[in-house]
Amino acid sequence: MALNAAWEELFGGTAPPGQPATMTLAGVPAPDSGGGGGGNANLKADVGPWHEAGNTAGELRASTATSLTDLDTANDGVSGGTAGFDSSGALTEILGTWKARLTAVRDECGRLEGALKSTGRDFGERETATQRKIAAGAPAPARKEG
């Protein structure tokens, strides 16, 4: 079975009659009917957004760590002050689950901070290396005489 026939069998009805089945990225059709995507041919990977996202994750990690400390401080003495109340056990249980959740968020944000910054650094280094390779292999521009 030809690829277009198999594609049509799987995703039939997605193409006009007589036209081959096509695939789109995230459901967005290509701007022309010749296949290939649109967009900017001068794709550039920039370290800035990755580093900024890493900083945001770091800030969230720090504020979550502060929240964990505040939660412990606010809970000091609660169990003694609520002894004999039915809510005492529930408060202790809730404290444990919130501490676990906040700890997981803090740890994940710490992991993301490093990963995002590292990705940005890698993209930036690759962008620079690619620019150098292109410049080294590109012919010098013709000089106008006269």
C-alpha atoms as a PDB file:
ATOM      1  CA  MET A   1       0.000   0.000   0.000  1.00  0.00           C
ATOM      2  CA  ALA A   2       1.380   3.400  -0.980  1.00  0.00           C
ATOM      3  CA  LEU A   3       2.106   5.915   1.738  1.00  0.00           C
ATOM      4  CA  ASN A   4      -0.646   8.302   0.632  1.00  0.00           C
ATOM      5  CA  ALA A   5      -3.158   5.450   0.526  1.00  0.00           C
ATOM      6  CA  ALA A   6      -2.133   4.298   4.016  1.00  0.00           C
ATOM      7  CA  TRP A   7      -2.310   7.859   5.299  1.00  0.00           C
ATOM      8  CA  GLU A   8      -5.725   8.294   3.685  1.00  0.00           C
ATOM      9  CA  GLU A   9      -6.908   5.072   5.283  1.00  0.00           C
ATOM     10  CA  LEU A  10      -5.775   6.247   8.720  1.00  0.00           C
ATOM     11  CA  PHE A  11      -6.783   9.888   8.435  1.00  0.00           C
ATOM     12  CA  GLY A  12      -9.293   9.777   5.607  1.00  0.00           C
ATOM     13  CA  GLY A  13     -11.246  12.819   4.651  1.00  0.00           C
ATOM     14  CA  THR A  14      -8.558  15.303   5.650  1.00  0.00           C
ATOM     15  CA  ALA A  15      -7.630  16.232   2.077  1.00  0.00           C
ATOM     16  CA  PRO A  16      -9.808  17.518  -0.761  1.00  0.00           C
ATOM     17  CA  PRO A  17     -10.886  14.829  -3.247  1.00  0.00           C
ATOM     18  CA  GLY A  18      -8.108  13.996  -5.692  1.00  0.00           C
ATOM     19  CA  GLN A  19      -5.447  15.590  -3.487  1.00  0.00           C
ATOM     20  CA  PRO A  20      -2.938  13.597  -1.463  1.00  0.00           C
ATOM     21  CA  ALA A  21      -3.359  13.446   2.287  1.00  0.00           C
ATOM     22  CA  THR A  22      -1.209  16.029   4.032  1.00  0.00           C
ATOM     23  CA  MET A  23       0.220  16.395   7.482  1.00  0.00           C
ATOM     24  CA  THR A  24       0.231  19.611   9.473  1.00  0.00           C
ATOM     25  CA  LEU A  25       2.166  20.664  12.535  1.00  0.00           C
ATOM     26  CA  ALA A  26      -0.117  21.156  15.529  1.00  0.00           C
ATOM     27  CA  GLY A  27      -3.065  21.285  13.153  1.00  0.00           C
ATOM     28  CA  VAL A  28      -1.803  24.402  11.378  1.00  0.00           C
ATOM     29  CA  PRO A  29      -1.699  24.016   7.614  1.00  0.00           C
ATOM     30  CA  ALA A  30       1.325  25.152   5.639  1.00  0.00           C
ATOM     31  CA  PRO A  31       0.757  28.609   4.093  1.00  0.00           C
ATOM     32  CA  ASP A  32       1.332  27.269   0.584  1.00  0.00           C
ATOM     33  CA  SER A  33       0.207  24.074  -1.064  1.00  0.00           C
ATOM     34  CA  GLY A  34       3.725  23.002  -1.985  1.00  0.00           C
ATOM     35  CA  GLY A  35       4.462  21.429   1.384  1.00  0.00           C
ATOM     36  CA  GLY A  36       7.130  22.940   3.559  1.00  0.00           C
ATOM     37  CA  GLY A  37       6.378  25.361   6.272  1.00  0.00           C
ATOM     38  CA  GLY A  38       6.187  29.067   6.367  1.00  0.00           C
ATOM     39  CA  GLY A  39       7.807  31.206   8.957  1.00  0.00           C
ATOM     40  CA  ASN A  40      11.119  32.924   9.109  1.00  0.00           C
ATOM     41  CA  ALA A  41      13.986  31.216   7.319  1.00  0.00           C
ATOM     42  CA  ASN A  42      16.407  33.044   9.616  1.00  0.00           C
ATOM     43  CA  LEU A  43      15.748  30.942  12.692  1.00  0.00           C
ATOM     44  CA  LYS A  44      17.911  32.054  15.573  1.00  0.00           C
ATOM     45  CA  ALA A  45      18.308  30.388  18.941  1.00  0.00           C
ATOM     46  CA  ASP A  46      18.797  32.994  21.639  1.00  0.00           C
ATOM     47  CA  VAL A  47      20.066  32.381  25.147  1.00  0.00           C
ATOM     48  CA  GLY A  48      17.923  35.199  26.601  1.00  0.00           C
ATOM     49  CA  PRO A  49      14.499  33.553  26.932  1.00  0.00           C
ATOM     50  CA  TRP A  50      15.997  30.327  28.299  1.00  0.00           C
ATOM     51  CA  HIS A  51      18.064  32.193  30.878  1.00  0.00           C
ATOM     52  CA  GLU A  52      15.058  34.308  31.860  1.00  0.00           C
ATOM     53  CA  ALA A  53      12.917  31.186  32.295  1.00  0.00           C
ATOM     54  CA  GLY A  54      15.698  29.684  34.429  1.00  0.00           C
ATOM     55  CA  ASN A  55      15.774  32.806  36.580  1.00  0.00           C
ATOM     56  CA  THR A  56      11.998  32.618  37.030  1.00  0.00           C
ATOM     57  CA  ALA A  57      12.279  28.977  38.109  1.00  0.00           C
ATOM     58  CA  GLY A  58      15.030  29.986  40.555  1.00  0.00           C
ATOM     59  CA  GLU A  59      12.874  32.756  42.001  1.00  0.00           C
ATOM     60  CA  LEU A  60       9.978  30.337  42.395  1.00  0.00           C
ATOM     61  CA  ARG A  61      12.305  27.840  44.098  1.00  0.00           C
ATOM     62  CA  ALA A  62      13.449  30.504  46.558  1.00  0.00           C
ATOM     63  CA  SER A  63       9.912  31.707  47.328  1.00  0.00           C
ATOM     64  CA  THR A  64       8.755  28.112  47.810  1.00  0.00           C
ATOM     65  CA  ALA A  65      11.628  27.494  50.226  1.00  0.00           C
ATOM     66  CA  THR A  66      10.565  30.611  52.144  1.00  0.00           C
ATOM     67  CA  SER A  67       6.979  29.352  52.181  1.00  0.00           C
ATOM     68  CA  LEU A  68       8.134  26.038  53.658  1.00  0.00           C
ATOM     69  CA  THR A  69       9.899  27.901  56.456  1.00  0.00           C
ATOM     70  CA  ASP A  70       6.857  30.124  57.017  1.00  0.00           C
ATOM     71  CA  LEU A  71       4.603  27.063  57.150  1.00  0.00           C
ATOM     72  CA  ASP A  72       6.783  25.449  59.816  1.00  0.00           C
ATOM     73  CA  THR A  73       6.951  28.685  61.808  1.00  0.00           C
ATOM     74  CA  ALA A  74       3.185  29.191  61.614  1.00  0.00           C
ATOM     75  CA  ASN A  75       2.586  25.607  62.730  1.00  0.00           C
ATOM     76  CA  ASP A  76       4.836  25.787  65.799  1.00  0.00           C
ATOM     77  CA  GLY A  77       2.745  25.126  68.873  1.00  0.00           C
ATOM     78  CA  VAL A  78      -0.437  24.321  66.950  1.00  0.00           C
ATOM     79  CA  SER A  79      -0.558  20.712  68.088  1.00  0.00           C
ATOM     80  CA  GLY A  80      -0.199  21.736  71.734  1.00  0.00           C
ATOM     81  CA  GLY A  81      -2.750  24.505  71.399  1.00  0.00           C
ATOM     82  CA  THR A  82      -5.298  22.266  69.719  1.00  0.00           C
ATOM     83  CA  ALA A  83      -4.906  19.224  71.953  1.00  0.00           C
ATOM     84  CA  GLY A  84      -8.254  17.557  72.521  1.00  0.00           C
ATOM     85  CA  PHE A  85      -9.852  19.044  69.416  1.00  0.00           C
ATOM     86  CA  ASP A  86     -10.888  16.817  66.532  1.00  0.00           C
ATOM     87  CA  SER A  87      -9.138  19.181  64.139  1.00  0.00           C
ATOM     88  CA  SER A  88      -5.698  18.537  65.659  1.00  0.00           C
ATOM     89  CA  GLY A  89      -5.120  15.328  63.703  1.00  0.00           C
ATOM     90  CA  ALA A  90      -6.429  16.893  60.499  1.00  0.00           C
ATOM     91  CA  LEU A  91      -4.090  19.875  60.884  1.00  0.00           C
ATOM     92  CA  THR A  92      -1.107  17.568  61.356  1.00  0.00           C
ATOM     93  CA  GLU A  93      -2.089  15.544  58.283  1.00  0.00           C
ATOM     94  CA  ILE A  94      -2.617  18.671  56.160  1.00  0.00           C
ATOM     95  CA  LEU A  95       0.729  20.064  57.265  1.00  0.00           C
ATOM     96  CA  GLY A  96       2.488  16.925  56.069  1.00  0.00           C
ATOM     97  CA  THR A  97       0.825  16.928  52.665  1.00  0.00           C
ATOM     98  CA  TRP A  98       1.490  20.618  52.096  1.00  0.00           C
ATOM     99  CA  LYS A  99       5.113  20.257  53.115  1.00  0.00           C
ATOM    100  CA  ALA A 100       5.481  17.339  50.679  1.00  0.00           C
ATOM    101  CA  ARG A 101       3.887  19.331  47.859  1.00  0.00           C
ATOM    102  CA  LEU A 102       5.906  22.460  48.484  1.00  0.00           C
ATOM    103  CA  THR A 103       9.103  20.417  48.767  1.00  0.00           C
ATOM    104  CA  ALA A 104       8.357  18.761  45.405  1.00  0.00           C
ATOM    105  CA  VAL A 105       7.704  22.158  43.786  1.00  0.00           C
ATOM    106  CA  ARG A 106      10.881  23.625  45.293  1.00  0.00           C
ATOM    107  CA  ASP A 107      12.988  20.689  44.120  1.00  0.00           C
ATOM    108  CA  GLU A 108      11.507  20.681  40.609  1.00  0.00           C
ATOM    109  CA  CYS A 109      12.051  24.420  40.254  1.00  0.00           C
ATOM    110  CA  GLY A 110      15.676  23.957  41.301  1.00  0.00           C
ATOM    111  CA  ARG A 111      16.097  21.247  38.672  1.00  0.00           C
ATOM    112  CA  LEU A 112      14.392  23.373  36.011  1.00  0.00           C
ATOM    113  CA  GLU A 113      16.506  26.418  36.817  1.00  0.00           C
ATOM    114  CA  GLY A 114      19.700  24.566  35.947  1.00  0.00           C
ATOM    115  CA  ALA A 115      18.223  22.729  32.959  1.00  0.00           C
ATOM    116  CA  LEU A 116      16.757  25.875  31.375  1.00  0.00           C
ATOM    117  CA  LYS A 117      19.919  27.918  31.824  1.00  0.00           C
ATOM    118  CA  SER A 118      22.028  25.056  30.487  1.00  0.00           C
ATOM    119  CA  THR A 119      19.772  24.724  27.444  1.00  0.00           C
ATOM    120  CA  GLY A 120      20.041  28.438  26.728  1.00  0.00           C
ATOM    121  CA  ARG A 121      23.803  28.310  27.086  1.00  0.00           C
ATOM    122  CA  ASP A 122      23.940  25.317  24.713  1.00  0.00           C
ATOM    123  CA  PHE A 123      21.735  27.050  22.140  1.00  0.00           C
ATOM    124  CA  GLY A 124      23.815  30.207  22.378  1.00  0.00           C
ATOM    125  CA  GLU A 125      27.065  28.293  21.900  1.00  0.00           C
ATOM    126  CA  ARG A 126      25.639  26.377  18.945  1.00  0.00           C
ATOM    127  CA  GLU A 127      24.325  29.595  17.392  1.00  0.00           C
ATOM    128  CA  THR A 128      27.764  31.199  17.667  1.00  0.00           C
ATOM    129  CA  ALA A 129      29.491  28.097  16.295  1.00  0.00           C
ATOM    130  CA  THR A 130      27.053  27.911  13.384  1.00  0.00           C
ATOM    131  CA  GLN A 131      27.584  31.582  12.568  1.00  0.00           C
ATOM    132  CA  ARG A 132      31.369  31.041  12.565  1.00  0.00           C
ATOM    133  CA  LYS A 133      31.066  28.002  10.284  1.00  0.00           C
ATOM    134  CA  ILE A 134      28.815  29.843   7.870  1.00  0.00           C
ATOM    135  CA  ALA A 135      31.120  32.857   7.834  1.00  0.00           C
ATOM    136  CA  ALA A 136      34.168  30.650   7.246  1.00  0.00           C
ATOM    137  CA  GLY A 137      32.524  28.808   4.351  1.00  0.00           C
ATOM    138  CA  ALA A 138      30.790  31.752   2.741  1.00  0.00           C
ATOM    139  CA  PRO A 139      32.527  33.500  -0.139  1.00  0.00           C
ATOM    140  CA  ALA A 140      33.598  37.052   0.472  1.00  0.00           C
ATOM    141  CA  PRO A 141      31.161  39.614  -0.885  1.00  0.00           C
ATOM    142  CA  ALA A 142      32.054  40.998  -4.282  1.00  0.00           C
ATOM    143  CA  ARG A 143      33.622  44.428  -4.150  1.00  0.00           C
ATOM    144  CA  LYS A 144      32.288  47.189  -6.272  1.00  0.00           C
ATOM    145  CA  GLU A 145      34.933  48.744  -8.371  1.00  0.00           C
ATOM    146  CA  GLY A 146      34.968  52.295  -9.273  1.00  0.00           C
END
